PDB file of N, CA and C in Angstrom:
ATOM      1  N   MET A   1       0.839  -1.172   0.000  1.00  0.00           N
ATOM      2  CA  MET A   1       0.000   0.000   0.000  1.00  0.00           C
ATOM      3  C   MET A   1       0.889   1.242   0.000  1.00  0.00           C
ATOM      4  N   LYS A   2       0.509   2.222  -0.800  1.00  0.00           N
ATOM      5  CA  LYS A   2       1.241   3.482  -0.847  1.00  0.00           C
ATOM      6  C   LYS A   2       0.476   4.541  -0.071  1.00  0.00           C
ATOM      7  N   TYR A   3       1.221   5.514   0.443  1.00  0.00           N
ATOM      8  CA  TYR A   3       0.599   6.638   1.137  1.00  0.00           C
ATOM      9  C   TYR A   3       1.381   7.912   0.822  1.00  0.00           C
ATOM     10  N   ALA A   4       0.720   9.034   0.997  1.00  0.00           N
ATOM     11  CA  ALA A   4       1.349  10.346   0.834  1.00  0.00           C
ATOM     12  C   ALA A   4       1.108  11.136   2.109  1.00  0.00           C
ATOM     13  N   GLN A   5       2.090  11.937   2.489  1.00  0.00           N
ATOM     14  CA  GLN A   5       1.951  12.764   3.688  1.00  0.00           C
ATOM     15  C   GLN A   5       1.853  14.229   3.268  1.00  0.00           C
ATOM     16  N   ILE A   6       0.830  14.913   3.780  1.00  0.00           N
ATOM     17  CA  ILE A   6       0.657  16.335   3.502  1.00  0.00           C
ATOM     18  C   ILE A   6       0.761  17.100   4.814  1.00  0.00           C
ATOM     19  N   SER A   7       1.040  18.385   4.707  1.00  0.00           N
ATOM     20  CA  SER A   7       1.124  19.210   5.915  1.00  0.00           C
ATOM     21  C   SER A   7       0.729  20.643   5.582  1.00  0.00           C
ATOM     22  N   SER A   8       0.334  21.352   6.619  1.00  0.00           N
ATOM     23  CA  SER A   8      -0.036  22.758   6.512  1.00  0.00           C
ATOM     24  C   SER A   8       0.078  23.370   7.899  1.00  0.00           C
ATOM     25  N   ALA A   9       0.068  24.678   7.952  1.00  0.00           N
ATOM     26  CA  ALA A   9       0.127  25.369   9.243  1.00  0.00           C
ATOM     27  C   ALA A   9      -1.264  25.856   9.625  1.00  0.00           C
ATOM     28  N   CYS A  10      -1.584  25.731  10.899  1.00  0.00           N
ATOM     29  CA  CYS A  10      -2.831  26.261  11.439  1.00  0.00           C
ATOM     30  C   CYS A  10      -2.621  27.741  11.769  1.00  0.00           C
ATOM     31  N   GLU A  11      -3.712  28.456  11.992  1.00  0.00           N
ATOM     32  CA  GLU A  11      -3.608  29.867  12.364  1.00  0.00           C
ATOM     33  C   GLU A  11      -2.889  30.065  13.698  1.00  0.00           C
ATOM     34  N   CYS A  12      -2.905  29.047  14.564  1.00  0.00           N
ATOM     35  CA  CYS A  12      -2.221  29.136  15.859  1.00  0.00           C
ATOM     36  C   CYS A  12      -0.743  28.754  15.748  1.00  0.00           C
ATOM     37  N   GLN A  13      -0.264  28.504  14.520  1.00  0.00           N
ATOM     38  CA  GLN A  13       1.117  28.153  14.214  1.00  0.00           C
ATOM     39  C   GLN A  13       1.468  26.702  14.504  1.00  0.00           C
ATOM     40  N   ALA A  14       0.495  25.880  14.871  1.00  0.00           N
ATOM     41  CA  ALA A  14       0.750  24.443  14.979  1.00  0.00           C
ATOM     42  C   ALA A  14       0.875  23.883  13.567  1.00  0.00           C
ATOM     43  N   LYS A  15       1.637  22.829  13.413  1.00  0.00           N
ATOM     44  CA  LYS A  15       1.815  22.183  12.117  1.00  0.00           C
ATOM     45  C   LYS A  15       0.848  21.012  12.039  1.00  0.00           C
ATOM     46  N   LEU A  16       0.005  20.989  10.997  1.00  0.00           N
ATOM     47  CA  LEU A  16      -0.987  19.939  10.798  1.00  0.00           C
ATOM     48  C   LEU A  16      -0.473  18.956   9.756  1.00  0.00           C
ATOM     49  N   PHE A  17      -0.650  17.657  10.019  1.00  0.00           N
ATOM     50  CA  PHE A  17      -0.197  16.604   9.115  1.00  0.00           C
ATOM     51  C   PHE A  17      -1.332  15.630   8.850  1.00  0.00           C
ATOM     52  N   ALA A  18      -1.273  14.977   7.691  1.00  0.00           N
ATOM     53  CA  ALA A  18      -2.216  13.899   7.384  1.00  0.00           C
ATOM     54  C   ALA A  18      -1.540  12.913   6.443  1.00  0.00           C
ATOM     55  N   ASP A  19      -1.785  11.635   6.675  1.00  0.00           N
ATOM     56  CA  ASP A  19      -1.376  10.582   5.759  1.00  0.00           C
ATOM     57  C   ASP A  19      -2.583  10.231   4.908  1.00  0.00           C
ATOM     58  N   LEU A  20      -2.380  10.168   3.579  1.00  0.00           N
ATOM     59  CA  LEU A  20      -3.453   9.861   2.644  1.00  0.00           C
ATOM     60  C   LEU A  20      -3.188   8.524   1.965  1.00  0.00           C
ATOM     61  N   ASP A  21      -4.255   7.753   1.719  1.00  0.00           N
ATOM     62  CA  ASP A  21      -4.096   6.517   0.957  1.00  0.00           C
ATOM     63  C   ASP A  21      -4.132   6.841  -0.539  1.00  0.00           C
ATOM     64  N   GLU A  22      -4.073   5.802  -1.374  1.00  0.00           N
ATOM     65  CA  GLU A  22      -4.006   6.008  -2.819  1.00  0.00           C
ATOM     66  C   GLU A  22      -5.274   6.633  -3.398  1.00  0.00           C
ATOM     67  N   LYS A  23      -6.375   6.554  -2.681  1.00  0.00           N
ATOM     68  CA  LYS A  23      -7.616   7.203  -3.122  1.00  0.00           C
ATOM     69  C   LYS A  23      -7.752   8.604  -2.524  1.00  0.00           C
ATOM     70  N   ARG A  24      -6.707   9.050  -1.834  1.00  0.00           N
ATOM     71  CA  ARG A  24      -6.634  10.364  -1.181  1.00  0.00           C
ATOM     72  C   ARG A  24      -7.589  10.502   0.002  1.00  0.00           C
ATOM     73  N   PHE A  25      -7.928   9.390   0.636  1.00  0.00           N
ATOM     74  CA  PHE A  25      -8.688   9.430   1.885  1.00  0.00           C
ATOM     75  C   PHE A  25      -7.692   9.513   3.036  1.00  0.00           C
ATOM     76  N   VAL A  26      -8.068  10.195   4.105  1.00  0.00           N
ATOM     77  CA  VAL A  26      -7.167  10.384   5.243  1.00  0.00           C
ATOM     78  C   VAL A  26      -7.076   9.095   6.059  1.00  0.00           C
ATOM     79  N   LEU A  27      -5.856   8.631   6.261  1.00  0.00           N
ATOM     80  CA  LEU A  27      -5.593   7.475   7.119  1.00  0.00           C
ATOM     81  C   LEU A  27      -5.367   7.907   8.558  1.00  0.00           C
ATOM     82  N   ARG A  28      -4.708   9.050   8.717  1.00  0.00           N
ATOM     83  CA  ARG A  28      -4.339   9.525  10.053  1.00  0.00           C
ATOM     84  C   ARG A  28      -4.080  11.018   9.986  1.00  0.00           C
ATOM     85  N   GLY A  29      -4.531  11.744  11.003  1.00  0.00           N
ATOM     86  CA  GLY A  29      -4.251  13.168  11.105  1.00  0.00           C
ATOM     87  C   GLY A  29      -3.641  13.476  12.462  1.00  0.00           C
ATOM     88  N   TRP A  30      -2.674  14.389  12.487  1.00  0.00           N
ATOM     89  CA  TRP A  30      -2.056  14.781  13.753  1.00  0.00           C
ATOM     90  C   TRP A  30      -1.501  16.197  13.629  1.00  0.00           C
ATOM     91  N   ALA A  31      -1.186  16.771  14.773  1.00  0.00           N
ATOM     92  CA  ALA A  31      -0.666  18.140  14.826  1.00  0.00           C
ATOM     93  C   ALA A  31       0.511  18.200  15.785  1.00  0.00           C
ATOM     94  N   LYS A  32       1.451  19.079  15.461  1.00  0.00           N
ATOM     95  CA  LYS A  32       2.608  19.318  16.327  1.00  0.00           C
ATOM     96  C   LYS A  32       2.663  20.801  16.663  1.00  0.00           C
ATOM     97  N   ASP A  33       2.816  21.078  17.940  1.00  0.00           N
ATOM     98  CA  ASP A  33       3.020  22.451  18.399  1.00  0.00           C
ATOM     99  C   ASP A  33       4.472  22.554  18.832  1.00  0.00           C
ATOM    100  N   MET A  34       5.283  23.209  18.027  1.00  0.00           N
ATOM    101  CA  MET A  34       6.719  23.281  18.288  1.00  0.00           C
ATOM    102  C   MET A  34       7.043  24.125  19.517  1.00  0.00           C
ATOM    103  N   ARG A  35       6.196  25.115  19.821  1.00  0.00           N
ATOM    104  CA  ARG A  35       6.456  25.964  20.993  1.00  0.00           C
ATOM    105  C   ARG A  35       6.307  25.172  22.285  1.00  0.00           C
ATOM    106  N   ARG A  36       5.284  24.324  22.331  1.00  0.00           N
ATOM    107  CA  ARG A  36       5.035  23.517  23.536  1.00  0.00           C
ATOM    108  C   ARG A  36       5.705  22.149  23.469  1.00  0.00           C
ATOM    109  N   LYS A  37       6.270  21.835  22.301  1.00  0.00           N
ATOM    110  CA  LYS A  37       6.897  20.532  22.068  1.00  0.00           C
ATOM    111  C   LYS A  37       5.915  19.392  22.343  1.00  0.00           C
ATOM    112  N   GLN A  38       4.713  19.522  21.758  1.00  0.00           N
ATOM    113  CA  GLN A  38       3.661  18.521  21.931  1.00  0.00           C
ATOM    114  C   GLN A  38       3.189  18.020  20.574  1.00  0.00           C
ATOM    115  N   GLU A  39       2.742  16.777  20.567  1.00  0.00           N
ATOM    116  CA  GLU A  39       2.107  16.189  19.390  1.00  0.00           C
ATOM    117  C   GLU A  39       0.801  15.552  19.837  1.00  0.00           C
ATOM    118  N   GLN A  40      -0.288  15.822  19.103  1.00  0.00           N
ATOM    119  CA  GLN A  40      -1.595  15.269  19.444  1.00  0.00           C
ATOM    120  C   GLN A  40      -2.323  14.839  18.178  1.00  0.00           C
ATOM    121  N   ASN A  41      -3.296  13.944  18.347  1.00  0.00           N
ATOM    122  CA  ASN A  41      -4.154  13.557  17.234  1.00  0.00           C
ATOM    123  C   ASN A  41      -4.967  14.761  16.792  1.00  0.00           C
ATOM    124  N   ALA A  42      -5.134  14.901  15.489  1.00  0.00           N
ATOM    125  CA  ALA A  42      -5.961  15.972  14.920  1.00  0.00           C
ATOM    126  C   ALA A  42      -6.915  15.323  13.919  1.00  0.00           C
ATOM    127  N   PRO A  43      -8.180  15.162  14.276  1.00  0.00           N
ATOM    128  CA  PRO A  43      -9.126  14.544  13.342  1.00  0.00           C
ATOM    129  C   PRO A  43      -9.102  15.273  11.997  1.00  0.00           C
ATOM    130  N   ALA A  44      -9.066  14.491  10.924  1.00  0.00           N
ATOM    131  CA  ALA A  44      -8.985  15.074   9.585  1.00  0.00           C
ATOM    132  C   ALA A  44      -9.805  14.239   8.616  1.00  0.00           C
ATOM    133  N   HIS A  45     -10.275  14.884   7.559  1.00  0.00           N
ATOM    134  CA  HIS A  45     -10.962  14.161   6.486  1.00  0.00           C
ATOM    135  C   HIS A  45     -10.745  14.890   5.165  1.00  0.00           C
ATOM    136  N   SER A  46     -10.839  14.120   4.079  1.00  0.00           N
ATOM    137  CA  SER A  46     -10.666  14.708   2.755  1.00  0.00           C
ATOM    138  C   SER A  46     -12.027  15.029   2.147  1.00  0.00           C
ATOM    139  N   ILE A  47     -12.043  16.064   1.332  1.00  0.00           N
ATOM    140  CA  ILE A  47     -13.254  16.530   0.666  1.00  0.00           C
ATOM    141  C   ILE A  47     -12.972  16.537  -0.834  1.00  0.00           C
ATOM    142  N   HIS A  48     -13.856  15.951  -1.618  1.00  0.00           N
ATOM    143  CA  HIS A  48     -13.686  15.822  -3.075  1.00  0.00           C
ATOM    144  C   HIS A  48     -12.390  15.083  -3.392  1.00  0.00           C
ATOM    145  N   ALA A  49     -12.151  13.973  -2.691  1.00  0.00           N
ATOM    146  CA  ALA A  49     -10.911  13.218  -2.856  1.00  0.00           C
ATOM    147  C   ALA A  49     -10.746  12.663  -4.267  1.00  0.00           C
ATOM    148  N   ASP A  50     -11.833  12.504  -5.001  1.00  0.00           N
ATOM    149  CA  ASP A  50     -11.754  11.960  -6.355  1.00  0.00           C
ATOM    150  C   ASP A  50     -11.383  13.014  -7.402  1.00  0.00           C
ATOM    151  N   SER A  51     -11.306  14.275  -7.020  1.00  0.00           N
ATOM    152  CA  SER A  51     -10.968  15.362  -7.947  1.00  0.00           C
ATOM    153  C   SER A  51      -9.464  15.626  -7.956  1.00  0.00           C
ATOM    154  N   GLN A  52      -8.993  16.254  -9.034  1.00  0.00           N
ATOM    155  CA  GLN A  52      -7.582  16.628  -9.134  1.00  0.00           C
ATOM    156  C   GLN A  52      -7.200  17.593  -8.011  1.00  0.00           C
ATOM    157  N   GLN A  53      -8.028  18.603  -7.787  1.00  0.00           N
ATOM    158  CA  GLN A  53      -7.848  19.509  -6.655  1.00  0.00           C
ATOM    159  C   GLN A  53      -8.822  19.065  -5.570  1.00  0.00           C
ATOM    160  N   PHE A  54      -8.294  18.801  -4.395  1.00  0.00           N
ATOM    161  CA  PHE A  54      -9.116  18.328  -3.283  1.00  0.00           C
ATOM    162  C   PHE A  54      -8.745  19.106  -2.033  1.00  0.00           C
ATOM    163  N   GLN A  55      -9.566  18.987  -1.010  1.00  0.00           N
ATOM    164  CA  GLN A  55      -9.321  19.687   0.246  1.00  0.00           C
ATOM    165  C   GLN A  55      -9.187  18.672   1.379  1.00  0.00           C
ATOM    166  N   VAL A  56      -8.466  19.090   2.404  1.00  0.00           N
ATOM    167  CA  VAL A  56      -8.379  18.329   3.648  1.00  0.00           C
ATOM    168  C   VAL A  56      -8.734  19.285   4.777  1.00  0.00           C
ATOM    169  N   ALA A  57      -9.598  18.826   5.667  1.00  0.00           N
ATOM    170  CA  ALA A  57     -10.015  19.625   6.823  1.00  0.00           C
ATOM    171  C   ALA A  57      -9.510  18.951   8.092  1.00  0.00           C
ATOM    172  N   TRP A  58      -8.963  19.751   8.990  1.00  0.00           N
ATOM    173  CA  TRP A  58      -8.475  19.279  10.283  1.00  0.00           C
ATOM    174  C   TRP A  58      -9.208  19.998  11.404  1.00  0.00           C
ATOM    175  N   LEU A  59      -9.301  19.353  12.553  1.00  0.00           N
ATOM    176  CA  LEU A  59      -9.698  20.016  13.791  1.00  0.00           C
ATOM    177  C   LEU A  59      -8.425  20.137  14.612  1.00  0.00           C
ATOM    178  N   CYS A  60      -7.917  21.349  14.748  1.00  0.00           N
ATOM    179  CA  CYS A  60      -6.666  21.564  15.475  1.00  0.00           C
ATOM    180  C   CYS A  60      -6.897  21.313  16.962  1.00  0.00           C
ATOM    181  N   PRO A  61      -6.126  20.411  17.573  1.00  0.00           N
ATOM    182  CA  PRO A  61      -6.322  20.117  18.995  1.00  0.00           C
ATOM    183  C   PRO A  61      -5.785  21.211  19.922  1.00  0.00           C
ATOM    184  N   PHE A  62      -5.004  22.136  19.391  1.00  0.00           N
ATOM    185  CA  PHE A  62      -4.406  23.165  20.230  1.00  0.00           C
ATOM    186  C   PHE A  62      -5.269  24.422  20.334  1.00  0.00           C
ATOM    187  N   CYS A  63      -5.970  24.773  19.256  1.00  0.00           N
ATOM    188  CA  CYS A  63      -6.793  25.992  19.289  1.00  0.00           C
ATOM    189  C   CYS A  63      -8.268  25.713  18.973  1.00  0.00           C
ATOM    190  N   ASN A  64      -8.613  24.473  18.656  1.00  0.00           N
ATOM    191  CA  ASN A  64      -9.986  24.044  18.336  1.00  0.00           C
ATOM    192  C   ASN A  64     -10.560  24.706  17.091  1.00  0.00           C
ATOM    193  N   ARG A  65      -9.706  25.147  16.187  1.00  0.00           N
ATOM    194  CA  ARG A  65     -10.181  25.699  14.919  1.00  0.00           C
ATOM    195  C   ARG A  65     -10.358  24.573  13.902  1.00  0.00           C
ATOM    196  N   ASN A  66     -11.336  24.739  13.016  1.00  0.00           N
ATOM    197  CA  ASN A  66     -11.461  23.880  11.848  1.00  0.00           C
ATOM    198  C   ASN A  66     -10.645  24.527  10.739  1.00  0.00           C
ATOM    199  N   THR A  67      -9.665  23.804  10.235  1.00  0.00           N
ATOM    200  CA  THR A  67      -8.756  24.344   9.234  1.00  0.00           C
ATOM    201  C   THR A  67      -8.950  23.587   7.929  1.00  0.00           C
ATOM    202  N   LEU A  68      -9.227  24.302   6.847  1.00  0.00           N
ATOM    203  CA  LEU A  68      -9.450  23.713   5.533  1.00  0.00           C
ATOM    204  C   LEU A  68      -8.346  24.175   4.594  1.00  0.00           C
ATOM    205  N   ARG A  69      -7.691  23.222   3.934  1.00  0.00           N
ATOM    206  CA  ARG A  69      -6.626  23.548   2.993  1.00  0.00           C
ATOM    207  C   ARG A  69      -6.855  22.796   1.686  1.00  0.00           C
ATOM    208  N   SER A  70      -6.467  23.427   0.579  1.00  0.00           N
ATOM    209  CA  SER A  70      -6.589  22.822  -0.749  1.00  0.00           C
ATOM    210  C   SER A  70      -5.249  22.241  -1.177  1.00  0.00           C
ATOM    211  N   PHE A  71      -5.313  21.123  -1.899  1.00  0.00           N
ATOM    212  CA  PHE A  71      -4.121  20.446  -2.407  1.00  0.00           C
ATOM    213  C   PHE A  71      -4.385  20.003  -3.837  1.00  0.00           C
ATOM    214  N   ASP A  72      -3.318  19.811  -4.597  1.00  0.00           N
ATOM    215  CA  ASP A  72      -3.411  19.283  -5.953  1.00  0.00           C
ATOM    216  C   ASP A  72      -2.795  17.888  -5.960  1.00  0.00           C
ATOM    217  N   ALA A  73      -3.475  16.947  -6.573  1.00  0.00           N
ATOM    218  CA  ALA A  73      -3.031  15.551  -6.552  1.00  0.00           C
ATOM    219  C   ALA A  73      -1.680  15.360  -7.241  1.00  0.00           C
ATOM    220  N   THR A  74      -1.336  16.211  -8.202  1.00  0.00           N
ATOM    221  CA  THR A  74      -0.058  16.044  -8.898  1.00  0.00           C
ATOM    222  C   THR A  74       1.131  16.380  -7.997  1.00  0.00           C
ATOM    223  N   GLY A  75       0.908  17.073  -6.911  1.00  0.00           N
ATOM    224  CA  GLY A  75       1.990  17.442  -6.000  1.00  0.00           C
ATOM    225  C   GLY A  75       2.251  16.440  -4.891  1.00  0.00           C
ATOM    226  N   LEU A  76       1.534  15.323  -4.878  1.00  0.00           N
ATOM    227  CA  LEU A  76       1.705  14.336  -3.810  1.00  0.00           C
ATOM    228  C   LEU A  76       2.904  13.439  -4.090  1.00  0.00           C
ATOM    229  N   ALA A  77       3.697  13.168  -3.067  1.00  0.00           N
ATOM    230  CA  ALA A  77       4.838  12.259  -3.162  1.00  0.00           C
ATOM    231  C   ALA A  77       4.453  10.955  -2.470  1.00  0.00           C
ATOM    232  N   TRP A  78       4.428   9.869  -3.226  1.00  0.00           N
ATOM    233  CA  TRP A  78       3.961   8.579  -2.703  1.00  0.00           C
ATOM    234  C   TRP A  78       5.113   7.769  -2.148  1.00  0.00           C
ATOM    235  N   ARG A  79       4.855   7.088  -1.037  1.00  0.00           N
ATOM    236  CA  ARG A  79       5.831   6.204  -0.381  1.00  0.00           C
ATOM    237  C   ARG A  79       5.164   4.864  -0.116  1.00  0.00           C
ATOM    238  N   GLU A  80       5.971   3.835  -0.011  1.00  0.00           N
ATOM    239  CA  GLU A  80       5.457   2.521   0.379  1.00  0.00           C
ATOM    240  C   GLU A  80       5.233   2.507   1.883  1.00  0.00           C
ATOM    241  N   ALA A  81       4.099   1.967   2.298  1.00  0.00           N
ATOM    242  CA  ALA A  81       3.798   1.851   3.730  1.00  0.00           C
ATOM    243  C   ALA A  81       4.689   0.776   4.339  1.00  0.00           C
ATOM    244  N   PRO A  82       5.047   0.911   5.615  1.00  0.00           N
ATOM    245  CA  PRO A  82       5.806  -0.143   6.290  1.00  0.00           C
ATOM    246  C   PRO A  82       5.053  -1.471   6.211  1.00  0.00           C
ATOM    247  N   ALA A  83       5.776  -2.567   6.219  1.00  0.00           N
ATOM    248  CA  ALA A  83       5.174  -3.895   6.034  1.00  0.00           C
ATOM    249  C   ALA A  83       4.091  -4.194   7.058  1.00  0.00           C
ATOM    250  N   ALA A  84       4.288  -3.832   8.315  1.00  0.00           N
ATOM    251  CA  ALA A  84       3.294  -4.127   9.355  1.00  0.00           C
ATOM    252  C   ALA A  84       1.984  -3.402   9.076  1.00  0.00           C
ATOM    253  N   ALA A  85       2.048  -2.178   8.606  1.00  0.00           N
ATOM    254  CA  ALA A  85       0.831  -1.420   8.310  1.00  0.00           C
ATOM    255  C   ALA A  85       0.112  -2.003   7.105  1.00  0.00           C
ATOM    256  N   ALA A  86       0.853  -2.449   6.113  1.00  0.00           N
ATOM    257  CA  ALA A  86       0.235  -3.030   4.925  1.00  0.00           C
ATOM    258  C   ALA A  86      -0.463  -4.342   5.272  1.00  0.00           C
ATOM    259  N   GLU A  87       0.123  -5.141   6.155  1.00  0.00           N
ATOM    260  CA  GLU A  87      -0.500  -6.404   6.559  1.00  0.00           C
ATOM    261  C   GLU A  87      -1.768  -6.161   7.354  1.00  0.00           C
ATOM    262  N   ALA A  88      -1.794  -5.154   8.197  1.00  0.00           N
ATOM    263  CA  ALA A  88      -2.974  -4.863   9.011  1.00  0.00           C
ATOM    264  C   ALA A  88      -4.151  -4.454   8.135  1.00  0.00           C
ATOM    265  N   GLN A  89      -3.902  -3.791   7.019  1.00  0.00           N
ATOM    266  CA  GLN A  89      -4.966  -3.358   6.124  1.00  0.00           C
ATOM    267  C   GLN A  89      -5.621  -4.541   5.422  1.00  0.00           C
ATOM    268  N   THR A  90      -4.888  -5.620   5.178  1.00  0.00           N
ATOM    269  CA  THR A  90      -5.447  -6.758   4.446  1.00  0.00           C
ATOM    270  C   THR A  90      -6.232  -7.702   5.338  1.00  0.00           C
ATOM    271  N   ASP A  91      -6.051  -7.646   6.642  1.00  0.00           N
ATOM    272  CA  ASP A  91      -6.755  -8.567   7.551  1.00  0.00           C
ATOM    273  C   ASP A  91      -8.208  -8.227   7.705  1.00  0.00           C
TER     274      ASP A  91
END
């Protein structure tokens, strides 16, 4: 299984991340606050994932803002998922 990692900054300056599968659905979302040196889960979902230009929305755990960002599918860099993660998806 391949995945792509995207990132953006929230208005509170936390860094938002999401791992996307090959259909551009969110597998995992998280946020890092470099000032506090904390990392927390950040619920995320993709919108119009089947389109060339799609959006990802996050709920920032540090400021509770809903953050929406646009991405283009041609800019995604795909990586192979670690073997353990790929096996868990097939079970």
